[in-house]
Amino acid sequence: VVLGLLVVAHLANRVLAKGADGTLLPLAALLHGIGYVMIARLNDRLAGLQATWTFVAILAYVATLLLVQRASDLARYKWSFLFIGAGLLMSPLVPGLGESFGTTAKIWISVGPINVQPGEFAKIALALFFAGYFAERRELIASGTWKVGPLRLPAPRDLLPVALAWGFAVMVMFAQKD
């Protein structure tokens, strides 16, 4: 089932994203496959649940390919993605909303019968922020205007928003005991 879903993702890539990098999807499939094998080794029921989430992820992937024709259009919303990601990361810390299932890490939220880890969606939002930010400032970062010994590095002010976003995410995960 999982292999079939990955074939669907590959076909969607070939039809809907002709100029896409040909190595990203196989790498994602490899990482997913390793995780799936580890889960399947532990519990058949969890493997079935993982296959269901793989189906949901492939549907979301194909929907994204249909809706977003040019990835550069997403860069306009980089700051929105930062705030969405930060909000999703903090949502399990809201009293009455956050849950911890079998661990001390409070990384789940429960809405009715549905339990999700908003941090997984926050990763996507933060990755979109980082990509948009780096794409916008690629010349400044590549030029290396700050010299430290023999190294030419980007100026700290150019990396400050990324460092602050990363530091915030680490602090929230520490507060969640994740």
N, C-alpha and C. Protein backbone atom coordinates (compact mmCIF):
# COMPACT_ATOMS: atom_id res chain seq x y z
N VAL A 1 0.83 -1.19 0.00
CA VAL A 1 0.00 0.00 0.00
C VAL A 1 0.88 1.26 0.00
N VAL A 2 1.87 1.26 0.87
CA VAL A 2 2.75 2.43 0.97
C VAL A 2 3.53 2.63 -0.33
N LEU A 3 4.03 1.55 -0.89
CA LEU A 3 4.77 1.64 -2.15
C LEU A 3 3.86 2.18 -3.26
N GLY A 4 2.62 1.71 -3.30
CA GLY A 4 1.67 2.21 -4.29
C GLY A 4 1.39 3.70 -4.12
N LEU A 5 1.29 4.15 -2.87
CA LEU A 5 1.08 5.57 -2.62
C LEU A 5 2.27 6.40 -3.08
N LEU A 6 3.47 5.87 -2.91
CA LEU A 6 4.66 6.59 -3.36
C LEU A 6 4.73 6.64 -4.89
N VAL A 7 4.24 5.61 -5.55
CA VAL A 7 4.16 5.63 -7.02
C VAL A 7 3.18 6.72 -7.46
N VAL A 8 2.07 6.87 -6.75
CA VAL A 8 1.11 7.94 -7.05
C VAL A 8 1.79 9.30 -6.91
N ALA A 9 2.58 9.48 -5.84
CA ALA A 9 3.29 10.74 -5.64
C ALA A 9 4.27 10.99 -6.78
N HIS A 10 4.96 9.94 -7.22
CA HIS A 10 5.91 10.07 -8.32
C HIS A 10 5.19 10.49 -9.60
N LEU A 11 4.07 9.85 -9.90
CA LEU A 11 3.32 10.19 -11.11
C LEU A 11 2.80 11.63 -11.03
N ALA A 12 2.34 12.04 -9.86
CA ALA A 12 1.88 13.42 -9.69
C ALA A 12 3.03 14.39 -9.92
N ASN A 13 4.20 14.04 -9.45
CA ASN A 13 5.39 14.86 -9.66
C ASN A 13 5.68 15.01 -11.15
N ARG A 14 5.63 13.90 -11.87
CA ARG A 14 5.96 13.91 -13.30
C ARG A 14 4.96 14.73 -14.11
N VAL A 15 3.69 14.70 -13.70
CA VAL A 15 2.65 15.40 -14.46
C VAL A 15 2.51 16.85 -14.01
N LEU A 16 2.50 17.10 -12.71
CA LEU A 16 2.17 18.43 -12.17
C LEU A 16 3.38 19.30 -11.86
N ALA A 17 4.55 18.71 -11.72
CA ALA A 17 5.75 19.49 -11.38
C ALA A 17 6.91 19.03 -12.25
N LYS A 18 6.80 19.32 -13.53
CA LYS A 18 7.78 18.82 -14.49
C LYS A 18 9.21 19.30 -14.20
N GLY A 19 9.37 20.48 -13.65
CA GLY A 19 10.70 21.00 -13.39
C GLY A 19 11.22 20.71 -12.00
N ALA A 20 10.55 19.84 -11.27
CA ALA A 20 10.93 19.57 -9.88
C ALA A 20 12.24 18.79 -9.81
N ASP A 21 12.93 18.98 -8.71
CA ASP A 21 14.18 18.25 -8.46
C ASP A 21 13.84 16.77 -8.33
N GLY A 22 14.49 15.95 -9.12
CA GLY A 22 14.20 14.52 -9.15
C GLY A 22 14.72 13.73 -7.97
N THR A 23 15.51 14.35 -7.09
CA THR A 23 16.06 13.59 -5.96
C THR A 23 15.26 13.78 -4.67
N LEU A 24 14.47 14.83 -4.56
CA LEU A 24 13.80 15.10 -3.29
C LEU A 24 12.74 14.06 -2.93
N LEU A 25 11.90 13.70 -3.88
CA LEU A 25 10.86 12.72 -3.58
C LEU A 25 11.44 11.35 -3.24
N PRO A 26 12.41 10.83 -3.98
CA PRO A 26 13.01 9.55 -3.57
C PRO A 26 13.67 9.61 -2.19
N LEU A 27 14.30 10.73 -1.86
CA LEU A 27 14.89 10.86 -0.52
C LEU A 27 13.81 10.87 0.55
N ALA A 28 12.73 11.60 0.31
CA ALA A 28 11.62 11.61 1.26
C ALA A 28 11.02 10.20 1.39
N ALA A 29 10.91 9.50 0.27
CA ALA A 29 10.37 8.13 0.29
C ALA A 29 11.30 7.21 1.08
N LEU A 30 12.60 7.39 0.92
CA LEU A 30 13.56 6.56 1.67
C LEU A 30 13.41 6.81 3.17
N LEU A 31 13.37 8.07 3.58
CA LEU A 31 13.20 8.38 5.01
C LEU A 31 11.88 7.84 5.54
N HIS A 32 10.83 8.01 4.74
CA HIS A 32 9.52 7.47 5.15
C HIS A 32 9.57 5.96 5.27
N GLY A 33 10.22 5.33 4.31
CA GLY A 33 10.31 3.86 4.32
C GLY A 33 11.04 3.34 5.55
N ILE A 34 12.12 4.01 5.92
CA ILE A 34 12.86 3.59 7.13
C ILE A 34 11.96 3.71 8.36
N GLY A 35 11.26 4.83 8.47
CA GLY A 35 10.34 5.01 9.60
C GLY A 35 9.21 3.99 9.58
N TYR A 36 8.68 3.71 8.40
CA TYR A 36 7.59 2.75 8.28
C TYR A 36 8.04 1.36 8.69
N VAL A 37 9.22 0.95 8.24
CA VAL A 37 9.74 -0.38 8.61
C VAL A 37 9.93 -0.47 10.12
N MET A 38 10.43 0.58 10.74
CA MET A 38 10.61 0.56 12.20
C MET A 38 9.28 0.42 12.92
N ILE A 39 8.27 1.15 12.43
CA ILE A 39 6.94 1.05 13.05
C ILE A 39 6.33 -0.31 12.81
N ALA A 40 6.42 -0.82 11.58
CA ALA A 40 5.85 -2.13 11.24
C ALA A 40 6.50 -3.24 12.04
N ARG A 41 7.79 -3.09 12.34
CA ARG A 41 8.50 -4.09 13.13
C ARG A 41 7.95 -4.16 14.55
N LEU A 42 7.49 -3.01 15.06
CA LEU A 42 7.01 -2.95 16.43
C LEU A 42 5.56 -3.39 16.59
N ASN A 43 4.70 -2.97 15.61
CA ASN A 43 3.28 -3.19 15.82
C ASN A 43 2.55 -3.12 14.48
N ASP A 44 1.81 -4.17 14.13
CA ASP A 44 1.08 -4.19 12.86
C ASP A 44 -0.02 -3.14 12.81
N ARG A 45 -0.69 -2.93 13.92
CA ARG A 45 -1.77 -1.93 13.96
C ARG A 45 -1.22 -0.53 13.71
N LEU A 46 -0.09 -0.23 14.32
CA LEU A 46 0.52 1.08 14.10
C LEU A 46 1.01 1.23 12.66
N ALA A 47 1.44 0.14 12.06
CA ALA A 47 1.87 0.19 10.66
C ALA A 47 0.67 0.54 9.77
N GLY A 48 -0.48 -0.03 10.06
CA GLY A 48 -1.69 0.30 9.30
C GLY A 48 -2.08 1.76 9.48
N LEU A 49 -1.95 2.24 10.70
CA LEU A 49 -2.24 3.65 10.98
C LEU A 49 -1.25 4.56 10.24
N GLN A 50 0.01 4.15 10.20
CA GLN A 50 1.01 4.93 9.47
C GLN A 50 0.70 4.95 7.98
N ALA A 51 0.23 3.82 7.45
CA ALA A 51 -0.16 3.77 6.03
C ALA A 51 -1.32 4.73 5.77
N THR A 52 -2.24 4.82 6.71
CA THR A 52 -3.36 5.77 6.57
C THR A 52 -2.84 7.20 6.52
N TRP A 53 -1.90 7.53 7.42
CA TRP A 53 -1.33 8.87 7.42
C TRP A 53 -0.49 9.12 6.18
N THR A 54 0.10 8.08 5.63
CA THR A 54 0.83 8.22 4.36
C THR A 54 -0.15 8.59 3.26
N PHE A 55 -1.31 7.95 3.26
CA PHE A 55 -2.35 8.27 2.28
C PHE A 55 -2.77 9.74 2.40
N VAL A 56 -3.00 10.20 3.63
CA VAL A 56 -3.38 11.60 3.85
C VAL A 56 -2.26 12.53 3.36
N ALA A 57 -1.02 12.18 3.65
CA ALA A 57 0.11 13.01 3.24
C ALA A 57 0.24 13.08 1.72
N ILE A 58 0.05 11.96 1.04
CA ILE A 58 0.15 11.95 -0.42
C ILE A 58 -0.98 12.78 -1.02
N LEU A 59 -2.18 12.67 -0.45
CA LEU A 59 -3.29 13.52 -0.91
C LEU A 59 -2.96 15.00 -0.74
N ALA A 60 -2.40 15.35 0.41
CA ALA A 60 -2.01 16.75 0.66
C ALA A 60 -0.93 17.18 -0.32
N TYR A 61 0.00 16.29 -0.60
CA TYR A 61 1.09 16.59 -1.54
C TYR A 61 0.53 16.87 -2.94
N VAL A 62 -0.35 16.00 -3.41
CA VAL A 62 -0.93 16.18 -4.75
C VAL A 62 -1.78 17.45 -4.77
N ALA A 63 -2.54 17.71 -3.71
CA ALA A 63 -3.34 18.94 -3.64
C ALA A 63 -2.44 20.18 -3.68
N THR A 64 -1.31 20.10 -3.00
CA THR A 64 -0.36 21.22 -3.02
C THR A 64 0.18 21.43 -4.42
N LEU A 65 0.52 20.35 -5.11
CA LEU A 65 1.01 20.48 -6.49
C LEU A 65 -0.05 21.09 -7.41
N LEU A 66 -1.31 20.78 -7.15
CA LEU A 66 -2.39 21.35 -7.95
C LEU A 66 -2.61 22.83 -7.64
N LEU A 67 -2.52 23.21 -6.37
CA LEU A 67 -2.82 24.58 -5.95
C LEU A 67 -1.65 25.54 -6.12
N VAL A 68 -0.45 25.09 -5.89
CA VAL A 68 0.71 25.98 -5.95
C VAL A 68 1.46 25.69 -7.24
N GLN A 69 1.26 26.55 -8.22
CA GLN A 69 1.89 26.34 -9.51
C GLN A 69 3.36 26.77 -9.51
N ARG A 70 3.69 27.81 -8.76
CA ARG A 70 5.06 28.30 -8.66
C ARG A 70 5.42 28.41 -7.18
N ALA A 71 6.44 27.68 -6.78
CA ALA A 71 6.84 27.68 -5.37
C ALA A 71 7.28 29.07 -4.92
N SER A 72 7.79 29.88 -5.84
CA SER A 72 8.23 31.23 -5.47
C SER A 72 7.07 32.10 -4.98
N ASP A 73 5.84 31.75 -5.35
CA ASP A 73 4.68 32.52 -4.86
C ASP A 73 4.53 32.39 -3.34
N LEU A 74 4.98 31.28 -2.78
CA LEU A 74 4.88 31.08 -1.34
C LEU A 74 5.79 32.02 -0.57
N ALA A 75 6.86 32.48 -1.18
CA ALA A 75 7.83 33.35 -0.50
C ALA A 75 7.19 34.65 -0.04
N ARG A 76 6.14 35.08 -0.71
CA ARG A 76 5.46 36.32 -0.30
C ARG A 76 4.84 36.20 1.09
N TYR A 77 4.58 34.99 1.51
CA TYR A 77 3.89 34.76 2.78
C TYR A 77 4.83 34.23 3.87
N LYS A 78 6.12 34.47 3.70
CA LYS A 78 7.10 33.88 4.63
C LYS A 78 6.85 34.28 6.07
N TRP A 79 6.51 35.55 6.32
CA TRP A 79 6.29 35.99 7.71
C TRP A 79 5.00 35.38 8.26
N SER A 80 4.01 35.21 7.42
CA SER A 80 2.79 34.53 7.86
C SER A 80 3.09 33.09 8.26
N PHE A 81 3.94 32.42 7.46
CA PHE A 81 4.31 31.05 7.80
C PHE A 81 5.07 30.99 9.12
N LEU A 82 5.89 32.01 9.40
CA LEU A 82 6.61 32.04 10.68
C LEU A 82 5.61 32.10 11.84
N PHE A 83 4.63 33.00 11.75
CA PHE A 83 3.68 33.15 12.85
C PHE A 83 2.74 31.95 12.97
N ILE A 84 2.37 31.37 11.85
CA ILE A 84 1.55 30.15 11.88
C ILE A 84 2.34 29.02 12.54
N GLY A 85 3.60 28.86 12.14
CA GLY A 85 4.44 27.82 12.73
C GLY A 85 4.63 28.02 14.23
N ALA A 86 4.87 29.26 14.64
CA ALA A 86 5.04 29.55 16.07
C ALA A 86 3.76 29.25 16.83
N GLY A 87 2.63 29.64 16.27
CA GLY A 87 1.35 29.35 16.93
C GLY A 87 1.07 27.87 17.06
N LEU A 88 1.37 27.12 16.00
CA LEU A 88 1.17 25.68 16.04
C LEU A 88 2.09 25.03 17.08
N LEU A 89 3.33 25.50 17.15
CA LEU A 89 4.26 24.95 18.14
C LEU A 89 3.76 25.18 19.56
N MET A 90 3.18 26.35 19.81
CA MET A 90 2.74 26.70 21.16
C MET A 90 1.38 26.13 21.53
N SER A 91 0.60 25.69 20.56
CA SER A 91 -0.77 25.25 20.85
C SER A 91 -0.88 24.13 21.88
N PRO A 92 0.04 23.15 21.96
CA PRO A 92 -0.10 22.15 23.02
C PRO A 92 0.12 22.71 24.43
N LEU A 93 0.70 23.88 24.53
CA LEU A 93 0.92 24.49 25.84
C LEU A 93 -0.32 25.20 26.37
N VAL A 94 -1.36 25.35 25.54
CA VAL A 94 -2.60 26.00 25.96
C VAL A 94 -3.30 25.07 26.95
N PRO A 95 -3.62 25.59 28.15
CA PRO A 95 -4.29 24.74 29.14
C PRO A 95 -5.60 24.16 28.61
N GLY A 96 -5.77 22.87 28.83
CA GLY A 96 -6.98 22.18 28.38
C GLY A 96 -6.92 21.68 26.95
N LEU A 97 -5.95 22.14 26.19
CA LEU A 97 -5.83 21.71 24.80
C LEU A 97 -4.72 20.69 24.62
N GLY A 98 -3.59 20.90 25.28
CA GLY A 98 -2.44 20.03 25.15
C GLY A 98 -2.62 18.72 25.89
N GLU A 99 -2.09 17.66 25.33
CA GLU A 99 -2.16 16.31 25.91
C GLU A 99 -0.78 15.67 25.86
N SER A 100 -0.57 14.72 26.74
CA SER A 100 0.63 13.89 26.66
C SER A 100 0.15 12.44 26.75
N PHE A 101 0.46 11.67 25.74
CA PHE A 101 0.03 10.28 25.69
C PHE A 101 1.20 9.36 25.97
N GLY A 102 1.27 8.84 27.17
CA GLY A 102 2.28 7.86 27.51
C GLY A 102 3.67 8.41 27.77
N THR A 103 3.86 9.71 27.61
CA THR A 103 5.17 10.32 27.86
C THR A 103 4.96 11.60 28.66
N THR A 104 6.03 12.21 29.04
CA THR A 104 5.92 13.50 29.72
C THR A 104 5.86 14.65 28.72
N ALA A 105 6.14 14.38 27.45
CA ALA A 105 6.12 15.42 26.43
C ALA A 105 4.69 15.81 26.12
N LYS A 106 4.40 17.09 26.24
CA LYS A 106 3.05 17.60 25.96
C LYS A 106 3.06 18.16 24.54
N ILE A 107 2.93 17.26 23.55
CA ILE A 107 3.07 17.66 22.15
C ILE A 107 1.82 17.37 21.32
N TRP A 108 0.78 16.88 21.94
CA TRP A 108 -0.45 16.54 21.24
C TRP A 108 -1.54 17.54 21.57
N ILE A 109 -2.49 17.71 20.64
CA ILE A 109 -3.73 18.39 20.98
C ILE A 109 -4.87 17.47 20.57
N SER A 110 -5.93 17.53 21.35
CA SER A 110 -7.09 16.69 21.09
C SER A 110 -8.29 17.58 20.81
N VAL A 111 -8.92 17.35 19.67
CA VAL A 111 -10.14 18.04 19.32
C VAL A 111 -11.16 16.95 19.00
N GLY A 112 -12.02 16.68 19.97
CA GLY A 112 -12.96 15.58 19.81
C GLY A 112 -12.20 14.27 19.74
N PRO A 113 -12.52 13.42 18.75
CA PRO A 113 -11.82 12.14 18.64
C PRO A 113 -10.49 12.23 17.90
N ILE A 114 -10.14 13.42 17.44
CA ILE A 114 -8.92 13.57 16.64
C ILE A 114 -7.78 14.06 17.51
N ASN A 115 -6.66 13.34 17.45
CA ASN A 115 -5.44 13.73 18.16
C ASN A 115 -4.36 14.00 17.12
N VAL A 116 -3.74 15.17 17.21
CA VAL A 116 -2.69 15.52 16.26
C VAL A 116 -1.52 16.15 16.99
N GLN A 117 -0.37 16.08 16.35
CA GLN A 117 0.82 16.77 16.83
C GLN A 117 0.99 18.03 15.97
N PRO A 118 0.59 19.18 16.46
CA PRO A 118 0.70 20.39 15.64
C PRO A 118 2.13 20.74 15.29
N GLY A 119 3.09 20.21 16.03
CA GLY A 119 4.49 20.46 15.72
C GLY A 119 4.88 19.93 14.36
N GLU A 120 4.20 18.87 13.90
CA GLU A 120 4.50 18.33 12.57
C GLU A 120 4.11 19.33 11.48
N PHE A 121 3.00 20.02 11.66
CA PHE A 121 2.59 21.04 10.70
C PHE A 121 3.42 22.31 10.87
N ALA A 122 3.86 22.56 12.10
CA ALA A 122 4.73 23.72 12.36
C ALA A 122 6.05 23.56 11.62
N LYS A 123 6.55 22.33 11.51
CA LYS A 123 7.81 22.10 10.78
C LYS A 123 7.67 22.54 9.33
N ILE A 124 6.55 22.25 8.74
CA ILE A 124 6.32 22.64 7.34
C ILE A 124 6.26 24.16 7.23
N ALA A 125 5.50 24.79 8.12
CA ALA A 125 5.37 26.25 8.09
C ALA A 125 6.72 26.92 8.30
N LEU A 126 7.50 26.42 9.25
CA LEU A 126 8.81 27.02 9.51
C LEU A 126 9.78 26.77 8.35
N ALA A 127 9.70 25.60 7.73
CA ALA A 127 10.54 25.34 6.56
C ALA A 127 10.20 26.30 5.42
N LEU A 128 8.92 26.61 5.25
CA LEU A 128 8.52 27.57 4.23
C LEU A 128 9.03 28.97 4.57
N PHE A 129 9.01 29.32 5.85
CA PHE A 129 9.58 30.62 6.26
C PHE A 129 11.06 30.66 5.95
N PHE A 130 11.80 29.63 6.37
CA PHE A 130 13.25 29.60 6.14
C PHE A 130 13.57 29.68 4.65
N ALA A 131 12.86 28.90 3.85
CA ALA A 131 13.11 28.89 2.40
C ALA A 131 12.84 30.26 1.78
N GLY A 132 11.72 30.87 2.16
CA GLY A 132 11.39 32.18 1.62
C GLY A 132 12.39 33.24 2.05
N TYR A 133 12.79 33.18 3.30
CA TYR A 133 13.75 34.16 3.82
C TYR A 133 15.10 34.02 3.14
N PHE A 134 15.60 32.79 3.03
CA PHE A 134 16.90 32.57 2.39
C PHE A 134 16.85 32.89 0.90
N ALA A 135 15.74 32.60 0.24
CA ALA A 135 15.63 32.92 -1.19
C ALA A 135 15.66 34.44 -1.40
N GLU A 136 15.00 35.17 -0.52
CA GLU A 136 14.96 36.63 -0.65
C GLU A 136 16.33 37.26 -0.40
N ARG A 137 17.11 36.67 0.49
CA ARG A 137 18.40 37.26 0.87
C ARG A 137 19.59 36.44 0.37
N ARG A 138 19.40 35.67 -0.67
CA ARG A 138 20.45 34.78 -1.14
C ARG A 138 21.73 35.52 -1.50
N GLU A 139 21.63 36.71 -2.11
CA GLU A 139 22.84 37.44 -2.49
C GLU A 139 23.59 37.93 -1.26
N LEU A 140 22.85 38.48 -0.29
CA LEU A 140 23.50 38.97 0.93
C LEU A 140 24.18 37.85 1.70
N ILE A 141 23.53 36.72 1.77
CA ILE A 141 24.08 35.60 2.52
C ILE A 141 25.28 35.00 1.78
N ALA A 142 25.17 34.90 0.46
CA ALA A 142 26.26 34.32 -0.32
C ALA A 142 27.48 35.24 -0.40
N SER A 143 27.26 36.55 -0.31
CA SER A 143 28.39 37.47 -0.46
C SER A 143 29.34 37.43 0.73
N GLY A 144 28.87 37.01 1.89
CA GLY A 144 29.75 36.91 3.06
C GLY A 144 30.39 38.25 3.41
N THR A 145 29.60 39.19 3.88
CA THR A 145 30.09 40.54 4.16
C THR A 145 30.81 40.66 5.49
N TRP A 146 30.76 39.66 6.33
CA TRP A 146 31.37 39.71 7.67
C TRP A 146 32.57 38.77 7.66
N LYS A 147 33.72 39.28 7.99
CA LYS A 147 34.94 38.47 7.93
C LYS A 147 35.36 38.07 9.34
N VAL A 148 35.52 36.76 9.55
CA VAL A 148 35.99 36.21 10.81
C VAL A 148 37.22 35.36 10.48
N GLY A 149 38.39 35.93 10.75
CA GLY A 149 39.63 35.24 10.37
C GLY A 149 39.66 35.05 8.87
N PRO A 150 39.93 33.82 8.41
CA PRO A 150 39.96 33.58 6.96
C PRO A 150 38.56 33.34 6.36
N LEU A 151 37.54 33.26 7.21
CA LEU A 151 36.19 32.95 6.75
C LEU A 151 35.41 34.22 6.42
N ARG A 152 34.61 34.15 5.35
CA ARG A 152 33.68 35.22 5.01
C ARG A 152 32.28 34.68 5.28
N LEU A 153 31.63 35.27 6.26
CA LEU A 153 30.31 34.81 6.70
C LEU A 153 29.26 35.87 6.41
N PRO A 154 28.00 35.47 6.38
CA PRO A 154 26.94 36.47 6.25
C PRO A 154 26.91 37.36 7.49
N ALA A 155 26.49 38.59 7.30
CA ALA A 155 26.38 39.51 8.43
C ALA A 155 25.36 38.96 9.42
N PRO A 156 25.64 39.09 10.72
CA PRO A 156 24.69 38.57 11.72
C PRO A 156 23.27 39.11 11.56
N ARG A 157 23.12 40.36 11.14
CA ARG A 157 21.78 40.93 11.00
C ARG A 157 20.98 40.21 9.91
N ASP A 158 21.69 39.62 8.92
CA ASP A 158 20.99 38.89 7.86
C ASP A 158 20.50 37.53 8.33
N LEU A 159 21.16 36.98 9.34
CA LEU A 159 20.76 35.66 9.87
C LEU A 159 19.93 35.76 11.15
N LEU A 160 19.77 36.96 11.69
CA LEU A 160 19.08 37.13 12.96
C LEU A 160 17.65 36.59 12.96
N PRO A 161 16.80 36.90 11.97
CA PRO A 161 15.44 36.34 12.01
C PRO A 161 15.40 34.82 12.02
N VAL A 162 16.31 34.20 11.27
CA VAL A 162 16.36 32.73 11.24
C VAL A 162 16.82 32.19 12.59
N ALA A 163 17.85 32.83 13.17
CA ALA A 163 18.35 32.38 14.48
C ALA A 163 17.28 32.57 15.55
N LEU A 164 16.53 33.66 15.51
CA LEU A 164 15.47 33.88 16.50
C LEU A 164 14.35 32.86 16.34
N ALA A 165 13.95 32.57 15.10
CA ALA A 165 12.91 31.57 14.87
C ALA A 165 13.35 30.20 15.36
N TRP A 166 14.59 29.84 15.06
CA TRP A 166 15.12 28.56 15.51
C TRP A 166 15.19 28.51 17.03
N GLY A 167 15.70 29.57 17.66
CA GLY A 167 15.80 29.62 19.12
C GLY A 167 14.43 29.54 19.78
N PHE A 168 13.45 30.21 19.20
CA PHE A 168 12.08 30.16 19.74
C PHE A 168 11.55 28.73 19.68
N ALA A 169 11.75 28.06 18.54
CA ALA A 169 11.27 26.68 18.40
C ALA A 169 11.93 25.76 19.42
N VAL A 170 13.21 25.94 19.64
CA VAL A 170 13.92 25.11 20.63
C VAL A 170 13.39 25.39 22.04
N MET A 171 13.13 26.65 22.36
CA MET A 171 12.59 26.97 23.70
C MET A 171 11.22 26.38 23.91
N VAL A 172 10.37 26.42 22.88
CA VAL A 172 9.02 25.83 23.01
C VAL A 172 9.12 24.33 23.19
N MET A 173 9.98 23.67 22.43
CA MET A 173 10.14 22.21 22.59
C MET A 173 10.69 21.86 23.97
N PHE A 174 11.55 22.72 24.50
CA PHE A 174 12.04 22.50 25.85
C PHE A 174 10.91 22.64 26.86
N ALA A 175 10.06 23.65 26.68
CA ALA A 175 8.92 23.84 27.58
C ALA A 175 7.93 22.67 27.48
N GLN A 176 7.83 22.05 26.31
CA GLN A 176 6.93 20.90 26.13
C GLN A 176 7.58 19.60 26.61
N LYS A 177 8.84 19.66 27.00
CA LYS A 177 9.61 18.46 27.38
C LYS A 177 9.68 17.47 26.24
N ASP A 178 9.84 18.01 25.03
CA ASP A 178 9.89 17.17 23.83
C ASP A 178 11.35 16.85 23.52
